[in-house]
Amino acid sequence: MDTLRHTPAGIPLVTFRLAHASRQIEAGHPRTVECEVNGVALGEQALEMAARRTGEAVRVLGFLSRKNRMSAQLVLHATRTESVEG
């Protein structure tokens, strides 16, 4: 997770990388899924994310958007986070 910073308008902002690992069923067969997703949190969510420990298990809700209007790269914009046991 990057250091908490503020936008020119004074809004708290933090960028992070979310790692995911799970077993899923696809076409009736088990599949191991592992990936990493770049994310960003603003406002209250940025403050909450900045207070979390690296490696902490979390559930993140939000939406996907382009990194910027000239990029096809996707970024997860966190709108809600919660701790997950285990």
C-alpha atoms as a PDB file:
ATOM      1  CA  MET A   1       0.000   0.000   0.000  1.00  0.00           C
ATOM      2  CA  ASP A   2       1.249   3.447  -0.818  1.00  0.00           C
ATOM      3  CA  THR A   3       1.435   6.295   1.657  1.00  0.00           C
ATOM      4  CA  LEU A   4      -1.749   8.254   2.295  1.00  0.00           C
ATOM      5  CA  ARG A   5      -1.704  11.515   0.362  1.00  0.00           C
ATOM      6  CA  HIS A   6      -4.218  14.211  -0.561  1.00  0.00           C
ATOM      7  CA  THR A   7      -5.595  15.458  -3.871  1.00  0.00           C
ATOM      8  CA  PRO A   8      -5.188  19.157  -4.739  1.00  0.00           C
ATOM      9  CA  ALA A   9      -8.740  19.570  -3.375  1.00  0.00           C
ATOM     10  CA  GLY A  10      -7.630  18.098  -0.019  1.00  0.00           C
ATOM     11  CA  ILE A  11      -9.356  14.707  -0.392  1.00  0.00           C
ATOM     12  CA  PRO A  12      -7.456  11.781   1.198  1.00  0.00           C
ATOM     13  CA  LEU A  13      -6.247   9.240  -1.382  1.00  0.00           C
ATOM     14  CA  VAL A  14      -4.343   5.958  -1.166  1.00  0.00           C
ATOM     15  CA  THR A  15      -3.415   3.461  -3.867  1.00  0.00           C
ATOM     16  CA  PHE A  16      -3.033  -0.235  -3.108  1.00  0.00           C
ATOM     17  CA  ARG A  17      -2.560  -3.635  -4.704  1.00  0.00           C
ATOM     18  CA  LEU A  18      -5.118  -6.323  -3.864  1.00  0.00           C
ATOM     19  CA  ALA A  19      -4.030  -9.983  -4.110  1.00  0.00           C
ATOM     20  CA  HIS A  20      -6.711 -12.635  -4.660  1.00  0.00           C
ATOM     21  CA  ALA A  21      -6.461 -16.431  -4.444  1.00  0.00           C
ATOM     22  CA  SER A  22      -9.363 -18.902  -4.552  1.00  0.00           C
ATOM     23  CA  ARG A  23     -10.671 -22.157  -6.022  1.00  0.00           C
ATOM     24  CA  GLN A  24     -13.539 -21.794  -8.475  1.00  0.00           C
ATOM     25  CA  ILE A  25     -15.614 -24.180 -10.563  1.00  0.00           C
ATOM     26  CA  GLU A  26     -15.557 -23.450 -14.294  1.00  0.00           C
ATOM     27  CA  ALA A  27     -17.382 -25.666 -16.801  1.00  0.00           C
ATOM     28  CA  GLY A  28     -17.772 -28.246 -14.031  1.00  0.00           C
ATOM     29  CA  HIS A  29     -14.044 -28.408 -13.244  1.00  0.00           C
ATOM     30  CA  PRO A  30     -12.111 -26.950 -10.297  1.00  0.00           C
ATOM     31  CA  ARG A  31      -9.721 -24.141 -11.114  1.00  0.00           C
ATOM     32  CA  THR A  32      -7.214 -22.255  -8.966  1.00  0.00           C
ATOM     33  CA  VAL A  33      -7.501 -18.500  -9.456  1.00  0.00           C
ATOM     34  CA  GLU A  34      -4.734 -16.091  -8.457  1.00  0.00           C
ATOM     35  CA  CYS A  35      -4.459 -12.467  -9.497  1.00  0.00           C
ATOM     36  CA  GLU A  36      -3.504  -8.987  -8.345  1.00  0.00           C
ATOM     37  CA  VAL A  37      -5.558  -5.866  -8.938  1.00  0.00           C
ATOM     38  CA  ASN A  38      -4.480  -2.245  -8.592  1.00  0.00           C
ATOM     39  CA  GLY A  39      -6.829  -0.193  -6.458  1.00  0.00           C
ATOM     40  CA  VAL A  40      -7.496   3.303  -5.215  1.00  0.00           C
ATOM     41  CA  ALA A  41      -9.511   4.592  -2.269  1.00  0.00           C
ATOM     42  CA  LEU A  42     -10.591   8.177  -1.643  1.00  0.00           C
ATOM     43  CA  GLY A  43     -12.066  10.049   1.295  1.00  0.00           C
ATOM     44  CA  GLU A  44     -13.095   7.975   4.327  1.00  0.00           C
ATOM     45  CA  GLN A  45     -12.200   4.753   2.524  1.00  0.00           C
ATOM     46  CA  ALA A  46      -8.646   6.040   1.993  1.00  0.00           C
ATOM     47  CA  LEU A  47      -8.317   6.704   5.725  1.00  0.00           C
ATOM     48  CA  GLU A  48      -9.624   3.206   6.537  1.00  0.00           C
ATOM     49  CA  MET A  49      -7.345   1.509   3.995  1.00  0.00           C
ATOM     50  CA  ALA A  50      -4.295   3.461   5.182  1.00  0.00           C
ATOM     51  CA  ALA A  51      -4.917   2.173   8.731  1.00  0.00           C
ATOM     52  CA  ARG A  52      -4.887  -1.488   7.596  1.00  0.00           C
ATOM     53  CA  ARG A  53      -1.833  -3.735   7.808  1.00  0.00           C
ATOM     54  CA  THR A  54      -0.144  -5.023   4.667  1.00  0.00           C
ATOM     55  CA  GLY A  55      -1.290  -8.603   4.123  1.00  0.00           C
ATOM     56  CA  GLU A  56      -4.511  -8.187   6.117  1.00  0.00           C
ATOM     57  CA  ALA A  57      -7.448 -10.139   4.664  1.00  0.00           C
ATOM     58  CA  VAL A  58     -10.144  -7.709   3.499  1.00  0.00           C
ATOM     59  CA  ARG A  59     -13.301  -7.727   1.412  1.00  0.00           C
ATOM     60  CA  VAL A  60     -13.364  -4.780  -0.958  1.00  0.00           C
ATOM     61  CA  LEU A  61     -16.495  -3.538  -2.710  1.00  0.00           C
ATOM     62  CA  GLY A  62     -16.338  -0.941  -5.425  1.00  0.00           C
ATOM     63  CA  PHE A  63     -16.233  -0.466  -9.151  1.00  0.00           C
ATOM     64  CA  LEU A  64     -13.771  -0.863 -12.001  1.00  0.00           C
ATOM     65  CA  SER A  65     -12.702   2.102 -14.073  1.00  0.00           C
ATOM     66  CA  ARG A  66      -9.882   3.017 -16.407  1.00  0.00           C
ATOM     67  CA  LYS A  67      -6.694   4.230 -14.757  1.00  0.00           C
ATOM     68  CA  ASN A  68      -7.162   7.422 -16.763  1.00  0.00           C
ATOM     69  CA  ARG A  69      -9.041   8.383 -19.897  1.00  0.00           C
ATOM     70  CA  MET A  70      -6.086   7.510 -22.133  1.00  0.00           C
ATOM     71  CA  SER A  71      -5.460   4.060 -20.588  1.00  0.00           C
ATOM     72  CA  ALA A  72      -7.143   0.692 -21.030  1.00  0.00           C
ATOM     73  CA  GLN A  73      -5.693  -0.493 -17.687  1.00  0.00           C
ATOM     74  CA  LEU A  74      -8.368  -1.109 -15.043  1.00  0.00           C
ATOM     75  CA  VAL A  75      -8.260   0.072 -11.419  1.00  0.00           C
ATOM     76  CA  LEU A  76     -10.586  -1.010  -8.604  1.00  0.00           C
ATOM     77  CA  HIS A  77     -12.099   2.050  -6.866  1.00  0.00           C
ATOM     78  CA  ALA A  78     -12.890   0.925  -3.309  1.00  0.00           C
ATOM     79  CA  THR A  79     -16.203   2.217  -1.966  1.00  0.00           C
ATOM     80  CA  ARG A  80     -16.359  -0.107   1.053  1.00  0.00           C
ATOM     81  CA  THR A  81     -13.900  -2.338   2.879  1.00  0.00           C
ATOM     82  CA  GLU A  82     -14.296  -4.788   5.726  1.00  0.00           C
ATOM     83  CA  SER A  83     -12.005  -7.171   7.585  1.00  0.00           C
ATOM     84  CA  VAL A  84     -12.275 -10.878   6.834  1.00  0.00           C
ATOM     85  CA  GLU A  85     -11.416 -13.577   9.384  1.00  0.00           C
ATOM     86  CA  GLY A  86      -8.691 -15.992   8.291  1.00  0.00           C
END
